[in-house]
Full PDB file with SEQRES, HELIX, SHEET, SSBOND, CRYST1, ORIGX, SCALE, CONECT and MASTER records, all heavy atoms in Angstrom:
SEQRES   1 A   35  GLY VAL PRO THR PRO VAL ASN GLU THR LEU ARG ARG GLU          
SEQRES   2 A   35  ALA ASN ARG VAL ALA ARG GLU ARG LEU ALA PRO GLY SER          
SEQRES   3 A   35  MET THR PRO ASP GLN VAL ARG ALA LEU                          
HELIX    1 AA1 PRO A    5  ARG A   19  1                                  15    
HELIX    2 AA2 PRO A   29  ALA A   34  1                                   6    
CRYST1    1.000    1.000    1.000  90.00  90.00  90.00 P 1           1          
ORIGX1      1.000000  0.000000  0.000000        0.00000                         
ORIGX2      0.000000  1.000000  0.000000        0.00000                         
ORIGX3      0.000000  0.000000  1.000000        0.00000                         
SCALE1      1.000000  0.000000  0.000000        0.00000                         
SCALE2      0.000000  1.000000  0.000000        0.00000                         
SCALE3      0.000000  0.000000  1.000000        0.00000                         
ATOM      1  N   GLY A   1      19.715  -8.495   3.802  1.00  0.00           N  
ATOM      2  CA  GLY A   1      19.817  -7.519   4.875  1.00  0.00           C  
ATOM      3  C   GLY A   1      19.613  -6.079   4.416  1.00  0.00           C  
ATOM      4  O   GLY A   1      20.193  -5.186   5.020  1.00  0.00           O  
ATOM      5  N   VAL A   2      18.764  -5.857   3.430  1.00  0.00           N  
ATOM      6  CA  VAL A   2      18.510  -4.492   2.967  1.00  0.00           C  
ATOM      7  C   VAL A   2      17.036  -4.126   3.316  1.00  0.00           C  
ATOM      8  O   VAL A   2      16.118  -4.828   2.867  1.00  0.00           O  
ATOM      9  CB  VAL A   2      18.668  -4.378   1.446  1.00  0.00           C  
ATOM     10  CG1 VAL A   2      18.457  -2.947   0.973  1.00  0.00           C  
ATOM     11  CG2 VAL A   2      20.078  -4.855   1.040  1.00  0.00           C  
ATOM     12  N   PRO A   3      16.796  -3.113   4.099  1.00  0.00           N  
ATOM     13  CA  PRO A   3      15.425  -2.717   4.385  1.00  0.00           C  
ATOM     14  C   PRO A   3      14.653  -2.318   3.142  1.00  0.00           C  
ATOM     15  O   PRO A   3      15.227  -1.681   2.214  1.00  0.00           O  
ATOM     16  CB  PRO A   3      15.614  -1.528   5.348  1.00  0.00           C  
ATOM     17  CG  PRO A   3      17.025  -1.634   5.818  1.00  0.00           C  
ATOM     18  CD  PRO A   3      17.815  -2.241   4.739  1.00  0.00           C  
ATOM     19  N   THR A   4      13.369  -2.623   3.120  1.00  0.00           N  
ATOM     20  CA  THR A   4      12.556  -2.279   1.948  1.00  0.00           C  
ATOM     21  C   THR A   4      11.190  -1.759   2.382  1.00  0.00           C  
ATOM     22  O   THR A   4      10.123  -2.274   2.048  1.00  0.00           O  
ATOM     23  CB  THR A   4      12.339  -3.534   1.102  1.00  0.00           C  
ATOM     24  OG1 THR A   4      11.753  -4.609   1.921  1.00  0.00           O  
ATOM     25  CG2 THR A   4      13.599  -4.041   0.481  1.00  0.00           C  
ATOM     26  N   PRO A   5      11.186  -0.609   3.142  1.00  0.00           N  
ATOM     27  CA  PRO A   5       9.906  -0.069   3.638  1.00  0.00           C  
ATOM     28  C   PRO A   5       8.967   0.324   2.531  1.00  0.00           C  
ATOM     29  O   PRO A   5       7.736   0.261   2.698  1.00  0.00           O  
ATOM     30  CB  PRO A   5      10.366   1.100   4.536  1.00  0.00           C  
ATOM     31  CG  PRO A   5      11.696   1.478   4.024  1.00  0.00           C  
ATOM     32  CD  PRO A   5      12.343   0.191   3.562  1.00  0.00           C  
ATOM     33  N   VAL A   6       9.494   0.854   1.436  1.00  0.00           N  
ATOM     34  CA  VAL A   6       8.614   1.333   0.347  1.00  0.00           C  
ATOM     35  C   VAL A   6       7.871   0.186  -0.298  1.00  0.00           C  
ATOM     36  O   VAL A   6       6.625   0.140  -0.390  1.00  0.00           O  
ATOM     37  CB  VAL A   6       9.413   2.105  -0.713  1.00  0.00           C  
ATOM     38  CG1 VAL A   6       8.463   2.563  -1.861  1.00  0.00           C  
ATOM     39  CG2 VAL A   6      10.193   3.239  -0.120  1.00  0.00           C  
ATOM     40  N   ASN A   7       8.591  -0.846  -0.742  1.00  0.00           N  
ATOM     41  CA  ASN A   7       7.949  -1.954  -1.421  1.00  0.00           C  
ATOM     42  C   ASN A   7       7.155  -2.834  -0.480  1.00  0.00           C  
ATOM     43  O   ASN A   7       6.090  -3.408  -0.867  1.00  0.00           O  
ATOM     44  CB  ASN A   7       8.976  -2.774  -2.164  1.00  0.00           C  
ATOM     45  CG  ASN A   7       9.422  -2.088  -3.443  1.00  0.00           C  
ATOM     46  OD1 ASN A   7       8.709  -2.112  -4.450  1.00  0.00           O  
ATOM     47  ND2 ASN A   7      10.618  -1.484  -3.437  1.00  0.00           N  
ATOM     48  N   GLU A   8       7.550  -2.930   0.782  1.00  0.00           N  
ATOM     49  CA  GLU A   8       6.737  -3.685   1.759  1.00  0.00           C  
ATOM     50  C   GLU A   8       5.410  -2.971   1.989  1.00  0.00           C  
ATOM     51  O   GLU A   8       4.361  -3.614   2.051  1.00  0.00           O  
ATOM     52  CB  GLU A   8       7.487  -3.852   3.044  1.00  0.00           C  
ATOM     53  CG  GLU A   8       6.689  -4.457   4.211  1.00  0.00           C  
ATOM     54  CD  GLU A   8       6.211  -5.868   3.924  1.00  0.00           C  
ATOM     55  OE1 GLU A   8       6.443  -6.434   2.856  1.00  0.00           O  
ATOM     56  OE2 GLU A   8       5.587  -6.434   4.851  1.00  0.00           O  
ATOM     57  N   THR A   9       5.446  -1.663   2.097  1.00  0.00           N  
ATOM     58  CA  THR A   9       4.182  -0.921   2.292  1.00  0.00           C  
ATOM     59  C   THR A   9       3.261  -1.082   1.055  1.00  0.00           C  
ATOM     60  O   THR A   9       2.067  -1.324   1.213  1.00  0.00           O  
ATOM     61  CB  THR A   9       4.473   0.553   2.498  1.00  0.00           C  
ATOM     62  OG1 THR A   9       5.242   0.728   3.695  1.00  0.00           O  
ATOM     63  CG2 THR A   9       3.154   1.370   2.644  1.00  0.00           C  
ATOM     64  N   LEU A  10       3.813  -0.962  -0.123  1.00  0.00           N  
ATOM     65  CA  LEU A  10       3.029  -1.106  -1.330  1.00  0.00           C  
ATOM     66  C   LEU A  10       2.456  -2.528  -1.445  1.00  0.00           C  
ATOM     67  O   LEU A  10       1.312  -2.711  -1.806  1.00  0.00           O  
ATOM     68  CB  LEU A  10       3.846  -0.808  -2.566  1.00  0.00           C  
ATOM     69  CG  LEU A  10       4.302   0.649  -2.688  1.00  0.00           C  
ATOM     70  CD1 LEU A  10       5.297   0.817  -3.865  1.00  0.00           C  
ATOM     71  CD2 LEU A  10       3.109   1.586  -2.880  1.00  0.00           C  
ATOM     72  N   ARG A  11       3.266  -3.531  -1.080  1.00  0.00           N  
ATOM     73  CA  ARG A  11       2.826  -4.914  -1.108  1.00  0.00           C  
ATOM     74  C   ARG A  11       1.666  -5.127  -0.173  1.00  0.00           C  
ATOM     75  O   ARG A  11       0.601  -5.678  -0.542  1.00  0.00           O  
ATOM     76  CB  ARG A  11       3.966  -5.855  -0.738  1.00  0.00           C  
ATOM     77  CG  ARG A  11       3.604  -7.357  -0.861  1.00  0.00           C  
ATOM     78  CD  ARG A  11       4.644  -8.189  -0.094  1.00  0.00           C  
ATOM     79  NE  ARG A  11       4.550  -8.030   1.335  1.00  0.00           N  
ATOM     80  CZ  ARG A  11       3.642  -8.621   2.090  1.00  0.00           C  
ATOM     81  NH1 ARG A  11       2.708  -9.410   1.556  1.00  0.00           N  
ATOM     82  NH2 ARG A  11       3.604  -8.409   3.398  1.00  0.00           N  
ATOM     83  N   ARG A  12       1.795  -4.661   1.066  1.00  0.00           N  
ATOM     84  CA  ARG A  12       0.772  -4.839   2.077  1.00  0.00           C  
ATOM     85  C   ARG A  12      -0.510  -4.172   1.697  1.00  0.00           C  
ATOM     86  O   ARG A  12      -1.619  -4.697   1.827  1.00  0.00           O  
ATOM     87  CB  ARG A  12       1.233  -4.394   3.439  1.00  0.00           C  
ATOM     88  CG  ARG A  12       2.292  -5.254   4.049  1.00  0.00           C  
ATOM     89  CD  ARG A  12       2.472  -4.906   5.564  1.00  0.00           C  
ATOM     90  NE  ARG A  12       3.526  -5.689   6.173  1.00  0.00           N  
ATOM     91  CZ  ARG A  12       3.581  -5.905   7.461  1.00  0.00           C  
ATOM     92  NH1 ARG A  12       2.671  -5.419   8.270  1.00  0.00           N  
ATOM     93  NH2 ARG A  12       4.574  -6.619   7.966  1.00  0.00           N  
ATOM     94  N   GLU A  13      -0.394  -2.874   1.312  1.00  0.00           N  
ATOM     95  CA  GLU A  13      -1.607  -2.106   1.048  1.00  0.00           C  
ATOM     96  C   GLU A  13      -2.317  -2.623  -0.219  1.00  0.00           C  
ATOM     97  O   GLU A  13      -3.578  -2.641  -0.287  1.00  0.00           O  
ATOM     98  CB  GLU A  13      -1.252  -0.647   0.914  1.00  0.00           C  
ATOM     99  CG  GLU A  13      -0.853   0.028   2.171  1.00  0.00           C  
ATOM    100  CD  GLU A  13      -1.886  -0.142   3.269  1.00  0.00           C  
ATOM    101  OE1 GLU A  13      -3.044   0.269   3.059  1.00  0.00           O  
ATOM    102  OE2 GLU A  13      -1.579  -0.737   4.320  1.00  0.00           O  
ATOM    103  N   ALA A  14      -1.579  -3.030  -1.221  1.00  0.00           N  
ATOM    104  CA  ALA A  14      -2.219  -3.566  -2.431  1.00  0.00           C  
ATOM    105  C   ALA A  14      -2.977  -4.841  -2.103  1.00  0.00           C  
ATOM    106  O   ALA A  14      -4.141  -5.046  -2.580  1.00  0.00           O  
ATOM    107  CB  ALA A  14      -1.174  -3.850  -3.506  1.00  0.00           C  
ATOM    108  N   ASN A  15      -2.417  -5.703  -1.251  1.00  0.00           N  
ATOM    109  CA  ASN A  15      -3.110  -6.911  -0.862  1.00  0.00           C  
ATOM    110  C   ASN A  15      -4.362  -6.581  -0.050  1.00  0.00           C  
ATOM    111  O   ASN A  15      -5.396  -7.201  -0.207  1.00  0.00           O  
ATOM    112  CB  ASN A  15      -2.159  -7.791  -0.054  1.00  0.00           C  
ATOM    113  CG  ASN A  15      -1.311  -8.713  -0.958  1.00  0.00           C  
ATOM    114  OD1 ASN A  15      -1.804  -9.564  -1.630  1.00  0.00           O  
ATOM    115  ND2 ASN A  15      -0.014  -8.455  -0.898  1.00  0.00           N  
ATOM    116  N   ARG A  16      -4.231  -5.587   0.833  1.00  0.00           N  
ATOM    117  CA  ARG A  16      -5.416  -5.249   1.679  1.00  0.00           C  
ATOM    118  C   ARG A  16      -6.531  -4.699   0.794  1.00  0.00           C  
ATOM    119  O   ARG A  16      -7.690  -5.103   0.939  1.00  0.00           O  
ATOM    120  CB  ARG A  16      -4.984  -4.182   2.707  1.00  0.00           C  
ATOM    121  CG  ARG A  16      -6.171  -3.694   3.571  1.00  0.00           C  
ATOM    122  CD  ARG A  16      -5.763  -2.529   4.456  1.00  0.00           C  
ATOM    123  NE  ARG A  16      -5.372  -1.356   3.730  1.00  0.00           N  
ATOM    124  CZ  ARG A  16      -6.287  -0.478   3.208  1.00  0.00           C  
ATOM    125  NH1 ARG A  16      -7.591  -0.686   3.329  1.00  0.00           N  
ATOM    126  NH2 ARG A  16      -5.837   0.603   2.560  1.00  0.00           N  
ATOM    127  N   VAL A  17      -6.196  -3.803  -0.132  1.00  0.00           N  
ATOM    128  CA  VAL A  17      -7.209  -3.203  -0.957  1.00  0.00           C  
ATOM    129  C   VAL A  17      -7.888  -4.296  -1.842  1.00  0.00           C  
ATOM    130  O   VAL A  17      -9.111  -4.314  -2.051  1.00  0.00           O  
ATOM    131  CB  VAL A  17      -6.593  -2.078  -1.822  1.00  0.00           C  
ATOM    132  CG1 VAL A  17      -7.518  -1.648  -2.918  1.00  0.00           C  
ATOM    133  CG2 VAL A  17      -6.236  -0.907  -0.937  1.00  0.00           C  
ATOM    134  N   ALA A  18      -7.067  -5.225  -2.370  1.00  0.00           N  
ATOM    135  CA  ALA A  18      -7.640  -6.303  -3.166  1.00  0.00           C  
ATOM    136  C   ALA A  18      -8.524  -7.194  -2.308  1.00  0.00           C  
ATOM    137  O   ALA A  18      -9.631  -7.582  -2.738  1.00  0.00           O  
ATOM    138  CB  ALA A  18      -6.504  -7.139  -3.788  1.00  0.00           C  
ATOM    139  N   ARG A  19      -8.076  -7.526  -1.127  1.00  0.00           N  
ATOM    140  CA  ARG A  19      -8.823  -8.422  -0.225  1.00  0.00           C  
ATOM    141  C   ARG A  19     -10.181  -7.754   0.128  1.00  0.00           C  
ATOM    142  O   ARG A  19     -11.194  -8.471   0.220  1.00  0.00           O  
ATOM    143  CB  ARG A  19      -8.008  -8.721   1.002  1.00  0.00           C  
ATOM    144  CG  ARG A  19      -8.598  -9.716   1.952  1.00  0.00           C  
ATOM    145  CD  ARG A  19      -7.612 -10.085   3.018  1.00  0.00           C  
ATOM    146  NE  ARG A  19      -7.175  -8.938   3.797  1.00  0.00           N  
ATOM    147  CZ  ARG A  19      -5.960  -8.411   3.761  1.00  0.00           C  
ATOM    148  NH1 ARG A  19      -5.040  -8.967   2.924  1.00  0.00           N  
ATOM    149  NH2 ARG A  19      -5.609  -7.401   4.528  1.00  0.00           N  
ATOM    150  N   GLU A  20     -10.152  -6.465   0.348  1.00  0.00           N  
ATOM    151  CA  GLU A  20     -11.388  -5.757   0.704  1.00  0.00           C  
ATOM    152  C   GLU A  20     -12.226  -5.355  -0.496  1.00  0.00           C  
ATOM    153  O   GLU A  20     -13.247  -4.742  -0.374  1.00  0.00           O  
ATOM    154  CB  GLU A  20     -11.053  -4.499   1.537  1.00  0.00           C  
ATOM    155  CG  GLU A  20     -10.383  -4.874   2.890  1.00  0.00           C  
ATOM    156  CD  GLU A  20      -9.938  -3.674   3.662  1.00  0.00           C  
ATOM    157  OE1 GLU A  20     -10.187  -2.514   3.218  1.00  0.00           O  
ATOM    158  OE2 GLU A  20      -9.336  -3.858   4.735  1.00  0.00           O  
ATOM    159  N   ARG A  21     -11.711  -5.712  -1.689  1.00  0.00           N  
ATOM    160  CA  ARG A  21     -12.379  -5.444  -2.946  1.00  0.00           C  
ATOM    161  C   ARG A  21     -12.720  -3.936  -3.109  1.00  0.00           C  
ATOM    162  O   ARG A  21     -13.825  -3.577  -3.554  1.00  0.00           O  
ATOM    163  CB  ARG A  21     -13.638  -6.304  -3.120  1.00  0.00           C  
ATOM    164  CG  ARG A  21     -13.257  -7.785  -3.423  1.00  0.00           C  
ATOM    165  CD  ARG A  21     -14.520  -8.670  -3.557  1.00  0.00           C  
ATOM    166  NE  ARG A  21     -14.186  -9.905  -4.161  1.00  0.00           N  
ATOM    167  CZ  ARG A  21     -13.619 -10.965  -3.555  1.00  0.00           C  
ATOM    168  NH1 ARG A  21     -13.322 -10.872  -2.251  1.00  0.00           N  
ATOM    169  NH2 ARG A  21     -13.339 -12.060  -4.218  1.00  0.00           N  
ATOM    170  N   LEU A  22     -11.775  -3.127  -2.779  1.00  0.00           N  
ATOM    171  CA  LEU A  22     -11.904  -1.663  -2.954  1.00  0.00           C  
ATOM    172  C   LEU A  22     -11.551  -1.323  -4.398  1.00  0.00           C  
ATOM    173  O   LEU A  22     -10.830  -2.029  -5.084  1.00  0.00           O  
ATOM    174  CB  LEU A  22     -11.015  -0.909  -1.986  1.00  0.00           C  
ATOM    175  CG  LEU A  22     -11.288  -1.182  -0.512  1.00  0.00           C  
ATOM    176  CD1 LEU A  22     -10.278  -0.404   0.350  1.00  0.00           C  
ATOM    177  CD2 LEU A  22     -12.705  -0.822  -0.149  1.00  0.00           C  
ATOM    178  N   ALA A  23     -12.030  -0.173  -4.826  1.00  0.00           N  
ATOM    179  CA  ALA A  23     -11.793   0.255  -6.206  1.00  0.00           C  
ATOM    180  C   ALA A  23     -10.387   0.790  -6.385  1.00  0.00           C  
ATOM    181  O   ALA A  23      -9.726   1.170  -5.405  1.00  0.00           O  
ATOM    182  CB  ALA A  23     -12.796   1.345  -6.583  1.00  0.00           C  
ATOM    183  N   PRO A  24      -9.863   0.788  -7.610  1.00  0.00           N  
ATOM    184  CA  PRO A  24      -8.575   1.395  -7.854  1.00  0.00           C  
ATOM    185  C   PRO A  24      -8.604   2.880  -7.435  1.00  0.00           C  
ATOM    186  O   PRO A  24      -9.653   3.552  -7.552  1.00  0.00           O  
ATOM    187  CB  PRO A  24      -8.356   1.260  -9.348  1.00  0.00           C  
ATOM    188  CG  PRO A  24      -9.305   0.214  -9.816  1.00  0.00           C  
ATOM    189  CD  PRO A  24     -10.456   0.229  -8.848  1.00  0.00           C  
ATOM    190  N   GLY A  25      -7.464   3.364  -6.951  1.00  0.00           N  
ATOM    191  CA  GLY A  25      -7.394   4.762  -6.559  1.00  0.00           C  
ATOM    192  C   GLY A  25      -8.065   5.056  -5.231  1.00  0.00           C  
ATOM    193  O   GLY A  25      -8.526   6.197  -4.987  1.00  0.00           O  
ATOM    194  N   SER A  26      -8.148   4.086  -4.357  1.00  0.00           N  
ATOM    195  CA  SER A  26      -8.814   4.274  -3.068  1.00  0.00           C  
ATOM    196  C   SER A  26      -7.994   4.988  -2.025  1.00  0.00           C  
ATOM    197  O   SER A  26      -8.497   5.349  -0.951  1.00  0.00           O  
ATOM    198  CB  SER A  26      -9.226   2.864  -2.496  1.00  0.00           C  
ATOM    199  OG  SER A  26     -10.146   2.232  -3.338  1.00  0.00           O  
ATOM    200  N   MET A  27      -6.705   5.195  -2.310  1.00  0.00           N  
ATOM    201  CA  MET A  27      -5.864   5.908  -1.378  1.00  0.00           C  
ATOM    202  C   MET A  27      -5.279   7.154  -2.014  1.00  0.00           C  
ATOM    203  O   MET A  27      -5.323   7.281  -3.247  1.00  0.00           O  
ATOM    204  CB  MET A  27      -4.721   4.989  -0.890  1.00  0.00           C  
ATOM    205  CG  MET A  27      -5.179   3.728  -0.174  1.00  0.00           C  
ATOM    206  SD  MET A  27      -3.789   2.746   0.418  1.00  0.00           S  
ATOM    207  CE  MET A  27      -3.158   3.766   1.764  1.00  0.00           C  
ATOM    208  N   THR A  28      -4.718   8.016  -1.232  1.00  0.00           N  
ATOM    209  CA  THR A  28      -4.034   9.194  -1.738  1.00  0.00           C  
ATOM    210  C   THR A  28      -2.510   8.967  -1.608  1.00  0.00           C  
ATOM    211  O   THR A  28      -2.043   8.187  -0.751  1.00  0.00           O  
ATOM    212  CB  THR A  28      -4.386  10.468  -0.957  1.00  0.00           C  
ATOM    213  OG1 THR A  28      -3.869  10.356   0.381  1.00  0.00           O  
ATOM    214  CG2 THR A  28      -5.903  10.655  -0.916  1.00  0.00           C  
ATOM    215  N   PRO A  29      -1.700   9.661  -2.408  1.00  0.00           N  
ATOM    216  CA  PRO A  29      -0.278   9.533  -2.249  1.00  0.00           C  
ATOM    217  C   PRO A  29       0.214   9.892  -0.873  1.00  0.00           C  
ATOM    218  O   PRO A  29       1.139   9.259  -0.341  1.00  0.00           O  
ATOM    219  CB  PRO A  29       0.306  10.543  -3.284  1.00  0.00           C  
ATOM    220  CG  PRO A  29      -0.774  10.530  -4.334  1.00  0.00           C  
ATOM    221  CD  PRO A  29      -2.078  10.458  -3.595  1.00  0.00           C  
ATOM    222  N   ASP A  30      -0.411  10.890  -0.252  1.00  0.00           N  
ATOM    223  CA  ASP A  30      -0.022  11.272   1.111  1.00  0.00           C  
ATOM    224  C   ASP A  30      -0.280  10.145   2.121  1.00  0.00           C  
ATOM    225  O   ASP A  30       0.551   9.937   3.008  1.00  0.00           O  
ATOM    226  CB  ASP A  30      -0.771  12.543   1.560  1.00  0.00           C  
ATOM    227  CG  ASP A  30      -0.270  13.784   0.871  1.00  0.00           C  
ATOM    228  OD1 ASP A  30       0.831  13.757   0.290  1.00  0.00           O  
ATOM    229  OD2 ASP A  30      -0.971  14.811   0.887  1.00  0.00           O  
ATOM    230  N   GLN A  31      -1.372   9.434   1.985  1.00  0.00           N  
ATOM    231  CA  GLN A  31      -1.647   8.325   2.847  1.00  0.00           C  
ATOM    232  C   GLN A  31      -0.598   7.211   2.700  1.00  0.00           C  
ATOM    233  O   GLN A  31      -0.099   6.673   3.707  1.00  0.00           O  
ATOM    234  CB  GLN A  31      -3.049   7.742   2.579  1.00  0.00           C  
ATOM    235  CG  GLN A  31      -4.209   8.628   3.012  1.00  0.00           C  
ATOM    236  CD  GLN A  31      -5.529   8.102   2.582  1.00  0.00           C  
ATOM    237  OE1 GLN A  31      -5.696   7.591   1.472  1.00  0.00           O  
ATOM    238  NE2 GLN A  31      -6.546   8.198   3.471  1.00  0.00           N  
ATOM    239  N   VAL A  32      -0.269   6.889   1.455  1.00  0.00           N  
ATOM    240  CA  VAL A  32       0.740   5.890   1.229  1.00  0.00           C  
ATOM    241  C   VAL A  32       2.111   6.324   1.760  1.00  0.00           C  
ATOM    242  O   VAL A  32       2.838   5.565   2.416  1.00  0.00           O  
ATOM    243  CB  VAL A  32       0.855   5.574  -0.248  1.00  0.00           C  
ATOM    244  CG1 VAL A  32       1.979   4.513  -0.523  1.00  0.00           C  
ATOM    245  CG2 VAL A  32      -0.490   5.020  -0.815  1.00  0.00           C  
ATOM    246  N   ARG A  33       2.450   7.602   1.515  1.00  0.00           N  
ATOM    247  CA  ARG A  33       3.712   8.103   1.987  1.00  0.00           C  
ATOM    248  C   ARG A  33       3.818   8.070   3.514  1.00  0.00           C  
ATOM    249  O   ARG A  33       4.870   7.732   4.041  1.00  0.00           O  
ATOM    250  CB  ARG A  33       3.892   9.526   1.486  1.00  0.00           C  
ATOM    251  CG  ARG A  33       5.172  10.225   1.888  1.00  0.00           C  
ATOM    252  CD  ARG A  33       6.294   9.860   0.937  1.00  0.00           C  
ATOM    253  NE  ARG A  33       6.177  10.467  -0.355  1.00  0.00           N  
ATOM    254  CZ  ARG A  33       7.206  10.880  -1.077  1.00  0.00           C  
ATOM    255  NH1 ARG A  33       8.427  10.721  -0.638  1.00  0.00           N  
ATOM    256  NH2 ARG A  33       7.001  11.346  -2.264  1.00  0.00           N  
ATOM    257  N   ALA A  34       2.732   8.374   4.193  1.00  0.00           N  
ATOM    258  CA  ALA A  34       2.717   8.336   5.629  1.00  0.00           C  
ATOM    259  C   ALA A  34       2.968   6.918   6.165  1.00  0.00           C  
ATOM    260  O   ALA A  34       3.699   6.726   7.152  1.00  0.00           O  
ATOM    261  CB  ALA A  34       1.406   8.878   6.190  1.00  0.00           C  
ATOM    262  N   LEU A  35       2.399   5.912   5.525  1.00  0.00           N  
ATOM    263  CA  LEU A  35       2.626   4.538   5.930  1.00  0.00           C  
ATOM    264  C   LEU A  35       4.102   4.113   5.660  1.00  0.00           C  
ATOM    265  O   LEU A  35       4.673   3.381   6.477  1.00  0.00           O  
ATOM    266  CB  LEU A  35       1.694   3.612   5.185  1.00  0.00           C  
ATOM    267  CG  LEU A  35       0.214   3.743   5.537  1.00  0.00           C  
ATOM    268  CD1 LEU A  35      -0.636   2.920   4.541  1.00  0.00           C  
ATOM    269  CD2 LEU A  35      -0.061   3.261   6.979  1.00  0.00           C  
TER     270      LEU A  35                                                      
MASTER        0    0    0    2    0    0    0    6  269    1    0    3          
END                                                                             
């Protein structure tokens, strides 16, 4: 019962970037922080 918005966002975005075969560093810290 502990919310985990930081690690859930990182998990989802890392999977998306891998699935779309994007290069490392495809996002900015501000974009990740906004999510």
